[in-house]
């Protein structure tokens, strides 16, 4: 477990590898429970007998199940202290290059790509590569976007979509509604009362050949 003592220390890690999670075995029970939760009961996931004669020779995990393992893998790998809460703002460029057969193991590798000031605190973009044991191709790749909200010195959280005990649920809901960087920090979309606030300097430069997240949202 890698621990960052506040956002400033986390910012110093931009462009570096944050760490690797533990291996997680994907079981049929996990797949069945995910099917029940989501309503996706396609036979390639939940019918081992039929799947044995299918394209993969066995049942395979849902792609979204693989992606849903990422928050738990983050909690095994690193955390940022000094936050009131952290919000899962979404994921970009999600792909599933390799199916995940039931009984196989996966683990995640994390690289911090950028950390950008917004009205609420910071927006972090982390490159996630979910490795499939024994496979040349990863099970999943994605750019996970998180909103990090600073808090008291004793507040501790990791970058998941869950709030800490220190955060009021009503306040967290309000944060989720205004967490759009286009509304929070885009120069063409000032928030009420902030018209004269100097534009905040980015901690890191924008990703090469890619629009900033706030511009993407603002031009939809």
C-alpha atoms as a PDB file:
ATOM      1  CA  UNK A   1       0.000   0.000   0.000  1.00  0.00           C
ATOM      2  CA  UNK A   2       1.391   3.362  -1.071  1.00  0.00           C
ATOM      3  CA  UNK A   3       0.187   6.301   1.040  1.00  0.00           C
ATOM      4  CA  UNK A   4       0.278   9.918  -0.123  1.00  0.00           C
ATOM      5  CA  UNK A   5       0.264  12.573   2.593  1.00  0.00           C
ATOM      6  CA  UNK A   6      -2.107  15.032   0.938  1.00  0.00           C
ATOM      7  CA  UNK A   7      -2.815  16.249  -2.576  1.00  0.00           C
ATOM      8  CA  UNK A   8       0.520  18.061  -2.961  1.00  0.00           C
ATOM      9  CA  UNK A   9       2.410  14.823  -2.428  1.00  0.00           C
ATOM     10  CA  UNK A  10       0.032  13.043  -4.805  1.00  0.00           C
ATOM     11  CA  UNK A  11       0.660  15.761  -7.418  1.00  0.00           C
ATOM     12  CA  UNK A  12       4.372  14.992  -7.293  1.00  0.00           C
ATOM     13  CA  UNK A  13       3.534  11.486  -8.550  1.00  0.00           C
ATOM     14  CA  UNK A  14       1.985  12.688 -11.837  1.00  0.00           C
ATOM     15  CA  UNK A  15       3.551  10.764 -14.707  1.00  0.00           C
ATOM     16  CA  UNK A  16       4.644   7.881 -12.496  1.00  0.00           C
ATOM     17  CA  UNK A  17       3.524   4.345 -11.661  1.00  0.00           C
ATOM     18  CA  UNK A  18       1.387   4.261  -8.502  1.00  0.00           C
ATOM     19  CA  UNK A  19       1.598   0.520  -7.923  1.00  0.00           C
ATOM     20  CA  UNK A  20       0.000  -2.858  -8.588  1.00  0.00           C
ATOM     21  CA  UNK A  21      -2.929  -4.544  -6.869  1.00  0.00           C
ATOM     22  CA  UNK A  22      -3.084  -8.074  -5.545  1.00  0.00           C
ATOM     23  CA  UNK A  23      -4.302 -10.904  -7.749  1.00  0.00           C
ATOM     24  CA  UNK A  24      -8.062 -11.488  -7.703  1.00  0.00           C
ATOM     25  CA  UNK A  25      -9.606 -14.781  -8.792  1.00  0.00           C
ATOM     26  CA  UNK A  26     -12.770 -14.408 -10.849  1.00  0.00           C
ATOM     27  CA  UNK A  27     -15.200 -17.131  -9.752  1.00  0.00           C
ATOM     28  CA  UNK A  28     -18.492 -18.329 -11.208  1.00  0.00           C
ATOM     29  CA  UNK A  29     -20.198 -17.140  -8.028  1.00  0.00           C
ATOM     30  CA  UNK A  30     -18.928 -13.602  -8.671  1.00  0.00           C
ATOM     31  CA  UNK A  31     -20.155 -13.715 -12.256  1.00  0.00           C
ATOM     32  CA  UNK A  32     -23.572 -15.071 -11.219  1.00  0.00           C
ATOM     33  CA  UNK A  33     -23.963 -12.367  -8.564  1.00  0.00           C
ATOM     34  CA  UNK A  34     -23.038  -9.675 -11.071  1.00  0.00           C
ATOM     35  CA  UNK A  35     -25.590 -11.105 -13.508  1.00  0.00           C
ATOM     36  CA  UNK A  36     -28.261 -10.948 -10.810  1.00  0.00           C
ATOM     37  CA  UNK A  37     -27.340  -7.367  -9.905  1.00  0.00           C
ATOM     38  CA  UNK A  38     -27.317  -6.099 -13.502  1.00  0.00           C
ATOM     39  CA  UNK A  39     -29.840  -8.371 -15.228  1.00  0.00           C
ATOM     40  CA  UNK A  40     -27.253  -9.493 -17.799  1.00  0.00           C
ATOM     41  CA  UNK A  41     -27.774 -13.273 -17.928  1.00  0.00           C
ATOM     42  CA  UNK A  42     -26.218 -13.987 -21.312  1.00  0.00           C
ATOM     43  CA  UNK A  43     -25.276 -17.678 -21.521  1.00  0.00           C
ATOM     44  CA  UNK A  44     -21.567 -17.019 -22.107  1.00  0.00           C
ATOM     45  CA  UNK A  45     -21.501 -15.739 -18.507  1.00  0.00           C
ATOM     46  CA  UNK A  46     -23.912 -17.943 -16.550  1.00  0.00           C
ATOM     47  CA  UNK A  47     -24.337 -21.263 -18.386  1.00  0.00           C
ATOM     48  CA  UNK A  48     -21.142 -23.336 -17.936  1.00  0.00           C
ATOM     49  CA  UNK A  49     -22.501 -26.358 -19.834  1.00  0.00           C
ATOM     50  CA  UNK A  50     -23.428 -24.375 -22.925  1.00  0.00           C
ATOM     51  CA  UNK A  51     -20.357 -22.140 -22.646  1.00  0.00           C
ATOM     52  CA  UNK A  52     -18.110 -25.223 -22.742  1.00  0.00           C
ATOM     53  CA  UNK A  53     -19.077 -25.537 -26.417  1.00  0.00           C
ATOM     54  CA  UNK A  54     -19.000 -21.795 -27.065  1.00  0.00           C
ATOM     55  CA  UNK A  55     -16.295 -19.501 -28.462  1.00  0.00           C
ATOM     56  CA  UNK A  56     -14.301 -19.324 -25.207  1.00  0.00           C
ATOM     57  CA  UNK A  57     -14.599 -22.924 -24.032  1.00  0.00           C
ATOM     58  CA  UNK A  58     -15.910 -21.797 -20.652  1.00  0.00           C
ATOM     59  CA  UNK A  59     -17.942 -19.048 -19.040  1.00  0.00           C
ATOM     60  CA  UNK A  60     -16.360 -15.591 -19.024  1.00  0.00           C
ATOM     61  CA  UNK A  61     -16.783 -12.514 -16.827  1.00  0.00           C
ATOM     62  CA  UNK A  62     -18.825  -9.554 -17.943  1.00  0.00           C
ATOM     63  CA  UNK A  63     -16.615  -6.722 -19.140  1.00  0.00           C
ATOM     64  CA  UNK A  64     -18.273  -4.364 -16.672  1.00  0.00           C
ATOM     65  CA  UNK A  65     -17.570  -6.846 -13.879  1.00  0.00           C
ATOM     66  CA  UNK A  66     -13.876  -6.586 -14.666  1.00  0.00           C
ATOM     67  CA  UNK A  67     -14.095  -2.789 -14.615  1.00  0.00           C
ATOM     68  CA  UNK A  68     -16.065  -2.849 -11.356  1.00  0.00           C
ATOM     69  CA  UNK A  69     -13.147  -4.578  -9.619  1.00  0.00           C
ATOM     70  CA  UNK A  70     -10.990  -1.451 -10.057  1.00  0.00           C
ATOM     71  CA  UNK A  71     -12.132   0.472  -6.917  1.00  0.00           C
ATOM     72  CA  UNK A  72     -11.272  -2.471  -4.655  1.00  0.00           C
ATOM     73  CA  UNK A  73      -7.937  -2.840  -6.446  1.00  0.00           C
ATOM     74  CA  UNK A  74      -7.215   0.857  -5.863  1.00  0.00           C
ATOM     75  CA  UNK A  75      -7.836   0.382  -2.134  1.00  0.00           C
ATOM     76  CA  UNK A  76      -5.216  -2.385  -2.137  1.00  0.00           C
ATOM     77  CA  UNK A  77      -2.669  -0.264  -3.978  1.00  0.00           C
ATOM     78  CA  UNK A  78      -2.681   3.375  -2.837  1.00  0.00           C
ATOM     79  CA  UNK A  79      -4.603   6.064  -0.987  1.00  0.00           C
ATOM     80  CA  UNK A  80      -4.474   9.828  -0.590  1.00  0.00           C
ATOM     81  CA  UNK A  81      -4.747  11.147   2.970  1.00  0.00           C
ATOM     82  CA  UNK A  82      -6.210  14.529   3.872  1.00  0.00           C
ATOM     83  CA  UNK A  83      -9.361  14.266   1.737  1.00  0.00           C
ATOM     84  CA  UNK A  84     -12.959  14.803   2.798  1.00  0.00           C
ATOM     85  CA  UNK A  85     -14.138  12.530   0.004  1.00  0.00           C
ATOM     86  CA  UNK A  86     -13.372  11.298  -3.486  1.00  0.00           C
ATOM     87  CA  UNK A  87     -15.880  10.847  -6.304  1.00  0.00           C
ATOM     88  CA  UNK A  88     -15.795   8.523  -9.291  1.00  0.00           C
ATOM     89  CA  UNK A  89     -16.437  10.969 -12.151  1.00  0.00           C
ATOM     90  CA  UNK A  90     -16.255   8.350 -14.923  1.00  0.00           C
ATOM     91  CA  UNK A  91     -13.932   6.410 -17.197  1.00  0.00           C
ATOM     92  CA  UNK A  92     -12.549   7.219 -20.642  1.00  0.00           C
ATOM     93  CA  UNK A  93     -11.263   4.935 -23.389  1.00  0.00           C
ATOM     94  CA  UNK A  94     -12.513   1.706 -21.760  1.00  0.00           C
ATOM     95  CA  UNK A  95     -11.593  -1.405 -23.730  1.00  0.00           C
ATOM     96  CA  UNK A  96     -11.631  -5.162 -23.033  1.00  0.00           C
ATOM     97  CA  UNK A  97      -8.859  -6.636 -25.225  1.00  0.00           C
ATOM     98  CA  UNK A  98      -9.129 -10.126 -23.741  1.00  0.00           C
ATOM     99  CA  UNK A  99     -12.046 -12.111 -22.241  1.00  0.00           C
ATOM    100  CA  UNK A 100     -11.678 -13.177 -18.609  1.00  0.00           C
ATOM    101  CA  UNK A 101     -12.459 -16.912 -18.228  1.00  0.00           C
ATOM    102  CA  UNK A 102     -14.023 -17.994 -14.958  1.00  0.00           C
ATOM    103  CA  UNK A 103     -11.301 -19.352 -12.679  1.00  0.00           C
ATOM    104  CA  UNK A 104      -8.623 -16.977 -13.996  1.00  0.00           C
ATOM    105  CA  UNK A 105      -6.880 -14.246 -12.014  1.00  0.00           C
ATOM    106  CA  UNK A 106      -6.554 -10.530 -12.689  1.00  0.00           C
ATOM    107  CA  UNK A 107      -4.686  -7.632 -11.132  1.00  0.00           C
ATOM    108  CA  UNK A 108      -4.497  -3.906 -11.883  1.00  0.00           C
ATOM    109  CA  UNK A 109      -1.583  -1.572 -12.606  1.00  0.00           C
ATOM    110  CA  UNK A 110      -2.063   2.155 -11.966  1.00  0.00           C
ATOM    111  CA  UNK A 111      -0.314   5.160 -13.538  1.00  0.00           C
ATOM    112  CA  UNK A 112      -1.230   8.732 -12.587  1.00  0.00           C
ATOM    113  CA  UNK A 113      -1.573  10.723 -15.812  1.00  0.00           C
ATOM    114  CA  UNK A 114      -2.716  14.144 -14.656  1.00  0.00           C
ATOM    115  CA  UNK A 115      -4.005  16.181 -11.742  1.00  0.00           C
ATOM    116  CA  UNK A 116      -5.980  19.322 -12.583  1.00  0.00           C
ATOM    117  CA  UNK A 117      -7.337  22.039 -10.251  1.00  0.00           C
ATOM    118  CA  UNK A 118     -11.122  22.483 -10.267  1.00  0.00           C
ATOM    119  CA  UNK A 119     -13.469  24.401  -7.969  1.00  0.00           C
ATOM    120  CA  UNK A 120     -14.006  21.410  -5.669  1.00  0.00           C
ATOM    121  CA  UNK A 121     -10.351  20.440  -5.416  1.00  0.00           C
ATOM    122  CA  UNK A 122      -8.551  18.298  -7.980  1.00  0.00           C
ATOM    123  CA  UNK A 123      -9.501  16.103 -10.921  1.00  0.00           C
ATOM    124  CA  UNK A 124      -7.243  13.056 -11.260  1.00  0.00           C
ATOM    125  CA  UNK A 125      -6.893  10.908 -14.369  1.00  0.00           C
ATOM    126  CA  UNK A 126      -5.375   7.488 -13.734  1.00  0.00           C
ATOM    127  CA  UNK A 127      -4.446   4.972 -16.408  1.00  0.00           C
ATOM    128  CA  UNK A 128      -5.594   1.506 -15.322  1.00  0.00           C
ATOM    129  CA  UNK A 129      -4.400  -1.703 -16.961  1.00  0.00           C
ATOM    130  CA  UNK A 130      -6.065  -4.878 -15.690  1.00  0.00           C
ATOM    131  CA  UNK A 131      -3.682  -7.756 -16.349  1.00  0.00           C
ATOM    132  CA  UNK A 132      -5.021 -11.241 -17.068  1.00  0.00           C
ATOM    133  CA  UNK A 133      -2.660 -13.867 -15.692  1.00  0.00           C
ATOM    134  CA  UNK A 134      -1.002 -15.851 -18.479  1.00  0.00           C
ATOM    135  CA  UNK A 135      -2.356 -13.620 -21.256  1.00  0.00           C
ATOM    136  CA  UNK A 136      -0.349 -11.389 -23.579  1.00  0.00           C
ATOM    137  CA  UNK A 137      -3.324  -8.997 -23.767  1.00  0.00           C
ATOM    138  CA  UNK A 138      -4.854  -7.160 -20.802  1.00  0.00           C
ATOM    139  CA  UNK A 139      -8.370  -7.884 -19.649  1.00  0.00           C
ATOM    140  CA  UNK A 140      -9.234  -4.196 -19.480  1.00  0.00           C
ATOM    141  CA  UNK A 141      -7.668  -0.787 -20.043  1.00  0.00           C
ATOM    142  CA  UNK A 142      -9.248   2.505 -19.002  1.00  0.00           C
ATOM    143  CA  UNK A 143      -8.567   6.068 -17.940  1.00  0.00           C
ATOM    144  CA  UNK A 144     -10.353   6.524 -14.616  1.00  0.00           C
ATOM    145  CA  UNK A 145     -11.378  10.084 -13.737  1.00  0.00           C
ATOM    146  CA  UNK A 146     -11.776  11.011 -10.057  1.00  0.00           C
ATOM    147  CA  UNK A 147     -12.670  14.209  -8.199  1.00  0.00           C
ATOM    148  CA  UNK A 148     -10.610  14.669  -5.017  1.00  0.00           C
ATOM    149  CA  UNK A 149     -12.111  17.018  -2.426  1.00  0.00           C
ATOM    150  CA  UNK A 150      -9.713  18.256   0.295  1.00  0.00           C
ATOM    151  CA  UNK A 151     -10.768  17.913   3.914  1.00  0.00           C
ATOM    152  CA  UNK A 152      -9.401  18.031   7.438  1.00  0.00           C
ATOM    153  CA  UNK A 153      -5.995  16.719   8.427  1.00  0.00           C
ATOM    154  CA  UNK A 154      -7.518  13.553   9.823  1.00  0.00           C
ATOM    155  CA  UNK A 155      -9.655  12.763   6.774  1.00  0.00           C
ATOM    156  CA  UNK A 156      -8.522   9.724   4.819  1.00  0.00           C
ATOM    157  CA  UNK A 157      -9.953   8.157   1.688  1.00  0.00           C
ATOM    158  CA  UNK A 158      -8.974   6.399  -1.513  1.00  0.00           C
ATOM    159  CA  UNK A 159     -10.078   7.368  -5.002  1.00  0.00           C
ATOM    160  CA  UNK A 160     -13.321   5.412  -5.215  1.00  0.00           C
ATOM    161  CA  UNK A 161     -16.921   6.501  -5.655  1.00  0.00           C
ATOM    162  CA  UNK A 162     -17.633   6.096  -1.925  1.00  0.00           C
ATOM    163  CA  UNK A 163     -17.717   8.956   0.582  1.00  0.00           C
ATOM    164  CA  UNK A 164     -16.077   8.862   3.996  1.00  0.00           C
ATOM    165  CA  UNK A 165     -17.888   9.013   7.321  1.00  0.00           C
ATOM    166  CA  UNK A 166     -16.747  12.635   7.628  1.00  0.00           C
ATOM    167  CA  UNK A 167     -18.819  13.649   4.589  1.00  0.00           C
ATOM    168  CA  UNK A 168     -22.519  14.439   4.936  1.00  0.00           C
ATOM    169  CA  UNK A 169     -24.484  12.385   2.333  1.00  0.00           C
ATOM    170  CA  UNK A 170     -26.550  15.421   1.335  1.00  0.00           C
ATOM    171  CA  UNK A 171     -23.395  17.441   0.791  1.00  0.00           C
ATOM    172  CA  UNK A 172     -21.880  14.581  -1.185  1.00  0.00           C
ATOM    173  CA  UNK A 173     -24.936  14.553  -3.453  1.00  0.00           C
ATOM    174  CA  UNK A 174     -24.536  18.279  -4.026  1.00  0.00           C
ATOM    175  CA  UNK A 175     -20.865  17.769  -4.808  1.00  0.00           C
ATOM    176  CA  UNK A 176     -21.765  15.131  -7.379  1.00  0.00           C
ATOM    177  CA  UNK A 177     -24.130  17.561  -9.078  1.00  0.00           C
ATOM    178  CA  UNK A 178     -21.512  20.312  -9.410  1.00  0.00           C
ATOM    179  CA  UNK A 179     -18.460  18.147  -9.992  1.00  0.00           C
ATOM    180  CA  UNK A 180     -18.490  18.864 -13.730  1.00  0.00           C
ATOM    181  CA  UNK A 181     -15.111  20.492 -14.463  1.00  0.00           C
ATOM    182  CA  UNK A 182     -16.777  22.395 -17.327  1.00  0.00           C
ATOM    183  CA  UNK A 183     -18.974  24.154 -14.779  1.00  0.00           C
ATOM    184  CA  UNK A 184     -16.291  24.290 -12.100  1.00  0.00           C
ATOM    185  CA  UNK A 185     -13.273  25.603 -13.938  1.00  0.00           C
ATOM    186  CA  UNK A 186     -13.867  26.287 -17.630  1.00  0.00           C
ATOM    187  CA  UNK A 187     -13.053  29.952 -18.368  1.00  0.00           C
ATOM    188  CA  UNK A 188     -16.163  30.290 -20.546  1.00  0.00           C
ATOM    189  CA  UNK A 189     -18.462  28.885 -17.863  1.00  0.00           C
ATOM    190  CA  UNK A 190     -17.766  30.871 -14.637  1.00  0.00           C
ATOM    191  CA  UNK A 191     -19.632  29.826 -11.526  1.00  0.00           C
ATOM    192  CA  UNK A 192     -21.802  32.498  -9.816  1.00  0.00           C
ATOM    193  CA  UNK A 193     -19.685  34.643  -7.510  1.00  0.00           C
ATOM    194  CA  UNK A 194     -16.436  33.423  -9.067  1.00  0.00           C
ATOM    195  CA  UNK A 195     -16.378  35.685 -12.120  1.00  0.00           C
ATOM    196  CA  UNK A 196     -13.375  37.614 -10.816  1.00  0.00           C
ATOM    197  CA  UNK A 197     -11.427  34.645  -9.442  1.00  0.00           C
ATOM    198  CA  UNK A 198      -8.081  34.250 -11.255  1.00  0.00           C
ATOM    199  CA  UNK A 199      -7.958  31.174 -13.450  1.00  0.00           C
ATOM    200  CA  UNK A 200      -6.267  28.368 -11.515  1.00  0.00           C
ATOM    201  CA  UNK A 201      -3.009  27.066 -12.904  1.00  0.00           C
ATOM    202  CA  UNK A 202      -2.951  23.434 -13.957  1.00  0.00           C
ATOM    203  CA  UNK A 203      -0.609  21.194 -12.026  1.00  0.00           C
ATOM    204  CA  UNK A 204       0.208  19.267 -15.167  1.00  0.00           C
ATOM    205  CA  UNK A 205      -0.019  19.982 -18.855  1.00  0.00           C
ATOM    206  CA  UNK A 206      -2.895  18.511 -20.849  1.00  0.00           C
ATOM    207  CA  UNK A 207      -2.479  15.029 -22.240  1.00  0.00           C
ATOM    208  CA  UNK A 208      -0.854  15.072 -25.675  1.00  0.00           C
ATOM    209  CA  UNK A 209      -3.194  15.109 -28.696  1.00  0.00           C
ATOM    210  CA  UNK A 210      -6.285  15.100 -26.471  1.00  0.00           C
ATOM    211  CA  UNK A 211      -8.803  17.713 -25.412  1.00  0.00           C
ATOM    212  CA  UNK A 212      -8.966  18.523 -21.685  1.00  0.00           C
ATOM    213  CA  UNK A 213     -11.795  16.778 -19.900  1.00  0.00           C
ATOM    214  CA  UNK A 214     -13.529  20.091 -19.228  1.00  0.00           C
ATOM    215  CA  UNK A 215     -13.516  21.044 -22.900  1.00  0.00           C
ATOM    216  CA  UNK A 216     -14.967  17.683 -23.886  1.00  0.00           C
ATOM    217  CA  UNK A 217     -17.865  18.171 -21.518  1.00  0.00           C
ATOM    218  CA  UNK A 218     -18.396  21.800 -22.462  1.00  0.00           C
ATOM    219  CA  UNK A 219     -18.670  21.045 -26.172  1.00  0.00           C
ATOM    220  CA  UNK A 220     -21.041  18.071 -25.995  1.00  0.00           C
END
